[in-house]
Amino acid sequence: MIGMGGFIVYSSQTRDNLVFRKTSKPHWQTMDLENPRSLKMRVVNQPYVPMTELSSLYKDMESATKDDQKTEEAVADQ
């Protein structure tokens, strides 16, 4: 019974399909794409390769949104 309760708590904190916290970002948005790690309990011959192209794309998108926010603030100040 204790093992099952522990597994339920572990699963609710580490799985992406069980979301109880709406304020924090999901794991797939916070994972480091250049240094990926396993979120599974047991992994069999599954390499986690870095996704540098996707990481650079996300960085470009983030910088573009920051630039857009700066231009909106500059227009609003005028």
PDB file of N, CA and C in Angstrom:
ATOM      1  N   MET A   1       0.812  -1.187   0.000  1.00  0.00           N
ATOM      2  CA  MET A   1       0.000   0.000   0.000  1.00  0.00           C
ATOM      3  C   MET A   1       0.865   1.263   0.000  1.00  0.00           C
ATOM      4  N   ILE A   2       1.948   1.244   0.777  1.00  0.00           N
ATOM      5  CA  ILE A   2       2.843   2.396   0.814  1.00  0.00           C
ATOM      6  C   ILE A   2       3.553   2.557  -0.531  1.00  0.00           C
ATOM      7  N   GLY A   3       3.948   1.442  -1.122  1.00  0.00           N
ATOM      8  CA  GLY A   3       4.606   1.495  -2.431  1.00  0.00           C
ATOM      9  C   GLY A   3       3.706   2.068  -3.502  1.00  0.00           C
ATOM     10  N   MET A   4       2.437   1.675  -3.467  1.00  0.00           N
ATOM     11  CA  MET A   4       1.495   2.187  -4.456  1.00  0.00           C
ATOM     12  C   MET A   4       1.272   3.693  -4.257  1.00  0.00           C
ATOM     13  N   GLY A   5       1.156   4.125  -3.019  1.00  0.00           N
ATOM     14  CA  GLY A   5       0.987   5.553  -2.756  1.00  0.00           C
ATOM     15  C   GLY A   5       2.202   6.351  -3.187  1.00  0.00           C
ATOM     16  N   GLY A   6       3.388   5.798  -2.929  1.00  0.00           N
ATOM     17  CA  GLY A   6       4.615   6.468  -3.367  1.00  0.00           C
ATOM     18  C   GLY A   6       4.696   6.572  -4.877  1.00  0.00           C
ATOM     19  N   PHE A   7       4.287   5.517  -5.564  1.00  0.00           N
ATOM     20  CA  PHE A   7       4.306   5.541  -7.024  1.00  0.00           C
ATOM     21  C   PHE A   7       3.321   6.568  -7.571  1.00  0.00           C
ATOM     22  N   ILE A   8       2.162   6.694  -6.939  1.00  0.00           N
ATOM     23  CA  ILE A   8       1.175   7.678  -7.393  1.00  0.00           C
ATOM     24  C   ILE A   8       1.722   9.089  -7.231  1.00  0.00           C
ATOM     25  N   VAL A   9       2.367   9.365  -6.112  1.00  0.00           N
ATOM     26  CA  VAL A   9       2.956  10.689  -5.902  1.00  0.00           C
ATOM     27  C   VAL A   9       4.076  10.930  -6.905  1.00  0.00           C
ATOM     28  N   TYR A  10       4.940   9.928  -7.105  1.00  0.00           N
ATOM     29  CA  TYR A  10       6.038  10.063  -8.068  1.00  0.00           C
ATOM     30  C   TYR A  10       5.492  10.303  -9.472  1.00  0.00           C
ATOM     31  N   SER A  11       4.493   9.565  -9.868  1.00  0.00           N
ATOM     32  CA  SER A  11       3.927   9.700 -11.212  1.00  0.00           C
ATOM     33  C   SER A  11       3.276  11.057 -11.410  1.00  0.00           C
ATOM     34  N   SER A  12       2.591  11.539 -10.390  1.00  0.00           N
ATOM     35  CA  SER A  12       1.916  12.827 -10.547  1.00  0.00           C
ATOM     36  C   SER A  12       2.907  13.979 -10.632  1.00  0.00           C
ATOM     37  N   GLN A  13       4.110  13.801 -10.117  1.00  0.00           N
ATOM     38  CA  GLN A  13       5.104  14.873 -10.156  1.00  0.00           C
ATOM     39  C   GLN A  13       6.009  14.804 -11.380  1.00  0.00           C
ATOM     40  N   THR A  14       6.126  13.653 -12.017  1.00  0.00           N
ATOM     41  CA  THR A  14       7.086  13.506 -13.107  1.00  0.00           C
ATOM     42  C   THR A  14       6.457  13.279 -14.472  1.00  0.00           C
ATOM     43  N   ARG A  15       5.190  13.003 -14.563  1.00  0.00           N
ATOM     44  CA  ARG A  15       4.578  12.703 -15.849  1.00  0.00           C
ATOM     45  C   ARG A  15       3.997  13.959 -16.478  1.00  0.00           C
ATOM     46  N   ASP A  16       4.059  14.013 -17.794  1.00  0.00           N
ATOM     47  CA  ASP A  16       3.574  15.177 -18.523  1.00  0.00           C
ATOM     48  C   ASP A  16       2.072  15.143 -18.757  1.00  0.00           C
ATOM     49  N   ASN A  17       1.481  13.959 -18.738  1.00  0.00           N
ATOM     50  CA  ASN A  17       0.059  13.872 -19.025  1.00  0.00           C
ATOM     51  C   ASN A  17      -0.796  14.095 -17.774  1.00  0.00           C
ATOM     52  N   LEU A  18      -0.192  14.168 -16.595  1.00  0.00           N
ATOM     53  CA  LEU A  18      -0.904  14.490 -15.364  1.00  0.00           C
ATOM     54  C   LEU A  18      -0.480  15.880 -14.927  1.00  0.00           C
ATOM     55  N   VAL A  19      -1.339  16.867 -15.116  1.00  0.00           N
ATOM     56  CA  VAL A  19      -0.983  18.235 -14.794  1.00  0.00           C
ATOM     57  C   VAL A  19      -1.901  18.732 -13.684  1.00  0.00           C
ATOM     58  N   PHE A  20      -1.331  18.944 -12.505  1.00  0.00           N
ATOM     59  CA  PHE A  20      -2.086  19.489 -11.390  1.00  0.00           C
ATOM     60  C   PHE A  20      -1.717  20.946 -11.140  1.00  0.00           C
ATOM     61  N   ARG A  21      -0.558  21.355 -11.621  1.00  0.00           N
ATOM     62  CA  ARG A  21      -0.091  22.728 -11.435  1.00  0.00           C
ATOM     63  C   ARG A  21      -0.267  23.482 -12.747  1.00  0.00           C
ATOM     64  N   LYS A  22      -1.212  24.365 -12.795  1.00  0.00           N
ATOM     65  CA  LYS A  22      -1.465  25.116 -14.019  1.00  0.00           C
ATOM     66  C   LYS A  22      -0.543  26.321 -14.152  1.00  0.00           C
ATOM     67  N   THR A  23       0.115  26.732 -13.051  1.00  0.00           N
ATOM     68  CA  THR A  23       0.938  27.935 -13.100  1.00  0.00           C
ATOM     69  C   THR A  23       2.350  27.672 -13.607  1.00  0.00           C
ATOM     70  N   SER A  24       2.858  26.457 -13.426  1.00  0.00           N
ATOM     71  CA  SER A  24       4.215  26.167 -13.873  1.00  0.00           C
ATOM     72  C   SER A  24       4.206  25.600 -15.292  1.00  0.00           C
ATOM     73  N   LYS A  25       5.339  25.734 -15.972  1.00  0.00           N
ATOM     74  CA  LYS A  25       5.443  25.223 -17.335  1.00  0.00           C
ATOM     75  C   LYS A  25       5.554  23.704 -17.319  1.00  0.00           C
ATOM     76  N   PRO A  26       5.025  23.035 -18.330  1.00  0.00           N
ATOM     77  CA  PRO A  26       5.165  21.579 -18.421  1.00  0.00           C
ATOM     78  C   PRO A  26       6.616  21.184 -18.681  1.00  0.00           C
ATOM     79  N   HIS A  27       6.923  19.908 -18.455  1.00  0.00           N
ATOM     80  CA  HIS A  27       8.287  19.420 -18.597  1.00  0.00           C
ATOM     81  C   HIS A  27       8.829  19.593 -20.012  1.00  0.00           C
ATOM     82  N   TRP A  28       7.960  19.426 -21.024  1.00  0.00           N
ATOM     83  CA  TRP A  28       8.452  19.525 -22.395  1.00  0.00           C
ATOM     84  C   TRP A  28       8.819  20.958 -22.771  1.00  0.00           C
ATOM     85  N   GLN A  29       8.394  21.942 -22.000  1.00  0.00           N
ATOM     86  CA  GLN A  29       8.793  23.316 -22.271  1.00  0.00           C
ATOM     87  C   GLN A  29      10.003  23.737 -21.452  1.00  0.00           C
ATOM     88  N   THR A  30      10.308  23.022 -20.394  1.00  0.00           N
ATOM     89  CA  THR A  30      11.426  23.404 -19.542  1.00  0.00           C
ATOM     90  C   THR A  30      12.647  22.517 -19.725  1.00  0.00           C
ATOM     91  N   MET A  31      12.549  21.450 -20.495  1.00  0.00           N
ATOM     92  CA  MET A  31      13.690  20.550 -20.677  1.00  0.00           C
ATOM     93  C   MET A  31      14.775  21.237 -21.499  1.00  0.00           C
ATOM     94  N   ASP A  32      15.993  21.041 -21.092  1.00  0.00           N
ATOM     95  CA  ASP A  32      17.137  21.585 -21.815  1.00  0.00           C
ATOM     96  C   ASP A  32      17.324  20.759 -23.087  1.00  0.00           C
ATOM     97  N   LEU A  33      17.080  21.367 -24.242  1.00  0.00           N
ATOM     98  CA  LEU A  33      17.153  20.622 -25.500  1.00  0.00           C
ATOM     99  C   LEU A  33      18.579  20.338 -25.927  1.00  0.00           C
ATOM    100  N   GLU A  34      19.531  21.090 -25.400  1.00  0.00           N
ATOM    101  CA  GLU A  34      20.931  20.837 -25.749  1.00  0.00           C
ATOM    102  C   GLU A  34      21.550  19.760 -24.866  1.00  0.00           C
ATOM    103  N   ASN A  35      20.977  19.524 -23.685  1.00  0.00           N
ATOM    104  CA  ASN A  35      21.439  18.464 -22.779  1.00  0.00           C
ATOM    105  C   ASN A  35      20.228  17.696 -22.251  1.00  0.00           C
ATOM    106  N   PRO A  36      19.599  16.867 -23.105  1.00  0.00           N
ATOM    107  CA  PRO A  36      18.374  16.183 -22.680  1.00  0.00           C
ATOM    108  C   PRO A  36      18.666  15.093 -21.651  1.00  0.00           C
ATOM    109  N   ARG A  37      17.646  14.795 -20.838  1.00  0.00           N
ATOM    110  CA  ARG A  37      17.764  13.727 -19.853  1.00  0.00           C
ATOM    111  C   ARG A  37      16.493  12.891 -19.893  1.00  0.00           C
ATOM    112  N   SER A  38      16.569  11.723 -19.343  1.00  0.00           N
ATOM    113  CA  SER A  38      15.445  10.811 -19.356  1.00  0.00           C
ATOM    114  C   SER A  38      14.472  11.148 -18.241  1.00  0.00           C
ATOM    115  N   LEU A  39      13.188  11.132 -18.537  1.00  0.00           N
ATOM    116  CA  LEU A  39      12.150  11.318 -17.530  1.00  0.00           C
ATOM    117  C   LEU A  39      11.475   9.994 -17.187  1.00  0.00           C
ATOM    118  N   LYS A  40      11.950   8.914 -17.773  1.00  0.00           N
ATOM    119  CA  LYS A  40      11.340   7.609 -17.567  1.00  0.00           C
ATOM    120  C   LYS A  40      11.996   6.885 -16.401  1.00  0.00           C
ATOM    121  N   MET A  41      11.274   5.944 -15.837  1.00  0.00           N
ATOM    122  CA  MET A  41      11.843   5.161 -14.748  1.00  0.00           C
ATOM    123  C   MET A  41      12.816   4.123 -15.290  1.00  0.00           C
ATOM    124  N   ARG A  42      12.498   3.547 -16.446  1.00  0.00           N
ATOM    125  CA  ARG A  42      13.330   2.499 -17.028  1.00  0.00           C
ATOM    126  C   ARG A  42      13.525   2.811 -18.509  1.00  0.00           C
ATOM    127  N   VAL A  43      14.772   2.879 -18.957  1.00  0.00           N
ATOM    128  CA  VAL A  43      15.092   3.193 -20.339  1.00  0.00           C
ATOM    129  C   VAL A  43      15.890   2.037 -20.922  1.00  0.00           C
ATOM    130  N   VAL A  44      15.455   1.544 -22.100  1.00  0.00           N
ATOM    131  CA  VAL A  44      16.146   0.442 -22.757  1.00  0.00           C
ATOM    132  C   VAL A  44      16.615   0.910 -24.126  1.00  0.00           C
ATOM    133  N   ASN A  45      17.925   1.085 -24.283  1.00  0.00           N
ATOM    134  CA  ASN A  45      18.554   1.433 -25.559  1.00  0.00           C
ATOM    135  C   ASN A  45      17.870   2.611 -26.267  1.00  0.00           C
ATOM    136  N   GLN A  46      17.628   3.666 -25.567  1.00  0.00           N
ATOM    137  CA  GLN A  46      17.038   4.853 -26.173  1.00  0.00           C
ATOM    138  C   GLN A  46      17.975   6.032 -25.930  1.00  0.00           C
ATOM    139  N   PRO A  47      18.730   6.413 -26.955  1.00  0.00           N
ATOM    140  CA  PRO A  47      19.646   7.548 -26.765  1.00  0.00           C
ATOM    141  C   PRO A  47      18.881   8.873 -26.810  1.00  0.00           C
ATOM    142  N   TYR A  48      19.312   9.793 -25.987  1.00  0.00           N
ATOM    143  CA  TYR A  48      18.725  11.129 -25.982  1.00  0.00           C
ATOM    144  C   TYR A  48      19.741  12.068 -26.624  1.00  0.00           C
ATOM    145  N   VAL A  49      19.494  12.403 -27.878  1.00  0.00           N
ATOM    146  CA  VAL A  49      20.430  13.238 -28.624  1.00  0.00           C
ATOM    147  C   VAL A  49      20.029  14.701 -28.488  1.00  0.00           C
ATOM    148  N   PRO A  50      20.996  15.607 -28.447  1.00  0.00           N
ATOM    149  CA  PRO A  50      20.678  17.036 -28.358  1.00  0.00           C
ATOM    150  C   PRO A  50      19.972  17.522 -29.631  1.00  0.00           C
ATOM    151  N   MET A  51      19.018  18.412 -29.461  1.00  0.00           N
ATOM    152  CA  MET A  51      18.291  18.988 -30.583  1.00  0.00           C
ATOM    153  C   MET A  51      18.686  20.459 -30.698  1.00  0.00           C
ATOM    154  N   THR A  52      19.837  20.698 -31.315  1.00  0.00           N
ATOM    155  CA  THR A  52      20.375  22.055 -31.387  1.00  0.00           C
ATOM    156  C   THR A  52      19.553  22.955 -32.313  1.00  0.00           C
ATOM    157  N   GLU A  53      19.010  22.391 -33.384  1.00  0.00           N
ATOM    158  CA  GLU A  53      18.222  23.193 -34.319  1.00  0.00           C
ATOM    159  C   GLU A  53      16.954  23.709 -33.644  1.00  0.00           C
ATOM    160  N   LEU A  54      16.278  22.826 -32.919  1.00  0.00           N
ATOM    161  CA  LEU A  54      15.059  23.219 -32.227  1.00  0.00           C
ATOM    162  C   LEU A  54      15.356  24.212 -31.112  1.00  0.00           C
ATOM    163  N   SER A  55      16.458  24.001 -30.426  1.00  0.00           N
ATOM    164  CA  SER A  55      16.858  24.920 -29.362  1.00  0.00           C
ATOM    165  C   SER A  55      17.135  26.313 -29.914  1.00  0.00           C
ATOM    166  N   SER A  56      17.861  26.388 -31.038  1.00  0.00           N
ATOM    167  CA  SER A  56      18.152  27.699 -31.624  1.00  0.00           C
ATOM    168  C   SER A  56      16.872  28.356 -32.150  1.00  0.00           C
ATOM    169  N   LEU A  57      15.943  27.565 -32.651  1.00  0.00           N
ATOM    170  CA  LEU A  57      14.663  28.103 -33.106  1.00  0.00           C
ATOM    171  C   LEU A  57      13.877  28.700 -31.942  1.00  0.00           C
ATOM    172  N   TYR A  58      13.836  28.000 -30.813  1.00  0.00           N
ATOM    173  CA  TYR A  58      13.146  28.528 -29.631  1.00  0.00           C
ATOM    174  C   TYR A  58      13.800  29.810 -29.133  1.00  0.00           C
ATOM    175  N   LYS A  59      15.134  29.867 -29.163  1.00  0.00           N
ATOM    176  CA  LYS A  59      15.836  31.077 -28.729  1.00  0.00           C
ATOM    177  C   LYS A  59      15.524  32.243 -29.657  1.00  0.00           C
ATOM    178  N   ASP A  60      15.458  31.984 -30.963  1.00  0.00           N
ATOM    179  CA  ASP A  60      15.112  33.031 -31.924  1.00  0.00           C
ATOM    180  C   ASP A  60      13.682  33.529 -31.708  1.00  0.00           C
ATOM    181  N   MET A  61      12.762  32.604 -31.435  1.00  0.00           N
ATOM    182  CA  MET A  61      11.379  32.991 -31.179  1.00  0.00           C
ATOM    183  C   MET A  61      11.269  33.827 -29.908  1.00  0.00           C
ATOM    184  N   GLU A  62      12.016  33.456 -28.869  1.00  0.00           N
ATOM    185  CA  GLU A  62      11.977  34.206 -27.618  1.00  0.00           C
ATOM    186  C   GLU A  62      12.547  35.611 -27.791  1.00  0.00           C
ATOM    187  N   SER A  63      13.641  35.713 -28.538  1.00  0.00           N
ATOM    188  CA  SER A  63      14.225  37.042 -28.755  1.00  0.00           C
ATOM    189  C   SER A  63      13.299  37.901 -29.632  1.00  0.00           C
ATOM    190  N   ALA A  64      12.594  37.286 -30.567  1.00  0.00           N
ATOM    191  CA  ALA A  64      11.658  38.037 -31.410  1.00  0.00           C
ATOM    192  C   ALA A  64      10.485  38.566 -30.585  1.00  0.00           C
ATOM    193  N   THR A  65       9.988  37.776 -29.657  1.00  0.00           N
ATOM    194  CA  THR A  65       8.883  38.256 -28.819  1.00  0.00           C
ATOM    195  C   THR A  65       9.352  39.370 -27.890  1.00  0.00           C
ATOM    196  N   LYS A  66      10.593  39.274 -27.395  1.00  0.00           N
ATOM    197  CA  LYS A  66      11.125  40.344 -26.552  1.00  0.00           C
ATOM    198  C   LYS A  66      11.281  41.638 -27.361  1.00  0.00           C
ATOM    199  N   ASP A  67      11.747  41.510 -28.607  1.00  0.00           N
ATOM    200  CA  ASP A  67      11.869  42.690 -29.467  1.00  0.00           C
ATOM    201  C   ASP A  67      10.501  43.312 -29.750  1.00  0.00           C
ATOM    202  N   ASP A  68       9.502  42.463 -29.980  1.00  0.00           N
ATOM    203  CA  ASP A  68       8.147  42.964 -30.223  1.00  0.00           C
ATOM    204  C   ASP A  68       7.607  43.698 -29.001  1.00  0.00           C
ATOM    205  N   GLN A  69       7.883  43.162 -27.815  1.00  0.00           N
ATOM    206  CA  GLN A  69       7.419  43.815 -26.587  1.00  0.00           C
ATOM    207  C   GLN A  69       8.101  45.163 -26.398  1.00  0.00           C
ATOM    208  N   LYS A  70       9.391  45.230 -26.738  1.00  0.00           N
ATOM    209  CA  LYS A  70      10.109  46.500 -26.613  1.00  0.00           C
ATOM    210  C   LYS A  70       9.555  47.543 -27.573  1.00  0.00           C
ATOM    211  N   THR A  71       9.243  47.126 -28.802  1.00  0.00           N
ATOM    212  CA  THR A  71       8.690  48.087 -29.763  1.00  0.00           C
ATOM    213  C   THR A  71       7.294  48.536 -29.351  1.00  0.00           C
ATOM    214  N   GLU A  72       6.499  47.622 -28.792  1.00  0.00           N
ATOM    215  CA  GLU A  72       5.165  47.995 -28.317  1.00  0.00           C
ATOM    216  C   GLU A  72       5.264  48.985 -27.163  1.00  0.00           C
ATOM    217  N   GLU A  73       6.221  48.773 -26.262  1.00  0.00           N
ATOM    218  CA  GLU A  73       6.414  49.700 -25.143  1.00  0.00           C
ATOM    219  C   GLU A  73       6.889  51.066 -25.655  1.00  0.00           C
ATOM    220  N   ALA A  74       7.749  51.073 -26.660  1.00  0.00           N
ATOM    221  CA  ALA A  74       8.229  52.339 -27.215  1.00  0.00           C
ATOM    222  C   ALA A  74       7.106  53.109 -27.897  1.00  0.00           C
ATOM    223  N   VAL A  75       6.235  52.402 -28.597  1.00  0.00           N
ATOM    224  CA  VAL A  75       5.092  53.043 -29.259  1.00  0.00           C
ATOM    225  C   VAL A  75       4.118  53.560 -28.208  1.00  0.00           C
ATOM    226  N   ALA A  76       3.924  52.813 -27.143  1.00  0.00           N
ATOM    227  CA  ALA A  76       2.993  53.229 -26.095  1.00  0.00           C
ATOM    228  C   ALA A  76       3.514  54.444 -25.342  1.00  0.00           C
ATOM    229  N   ASP A  77       4.835  54.606 -25.224  1.00  0.00           N
ATOM    230  CA  ASP A  77       5.420  55.753 -24.524  1.00  0.00           C
ATOM    231  C   ASP A  77       5.304  57.042 -25.323  1.00  0.00           C
ATOM    232  N   GLN A  78       5.158  56.935 -26.617  1.00  0.00           N
ATOM    233  CA  GLN A  78       5.107  58.148 -27.459  1.00  0.00           C
ATOM    234  C   GLN A  78       3.819  58.823 -27.378  1.00  0.00           C
TER     235      GLN A  78
END
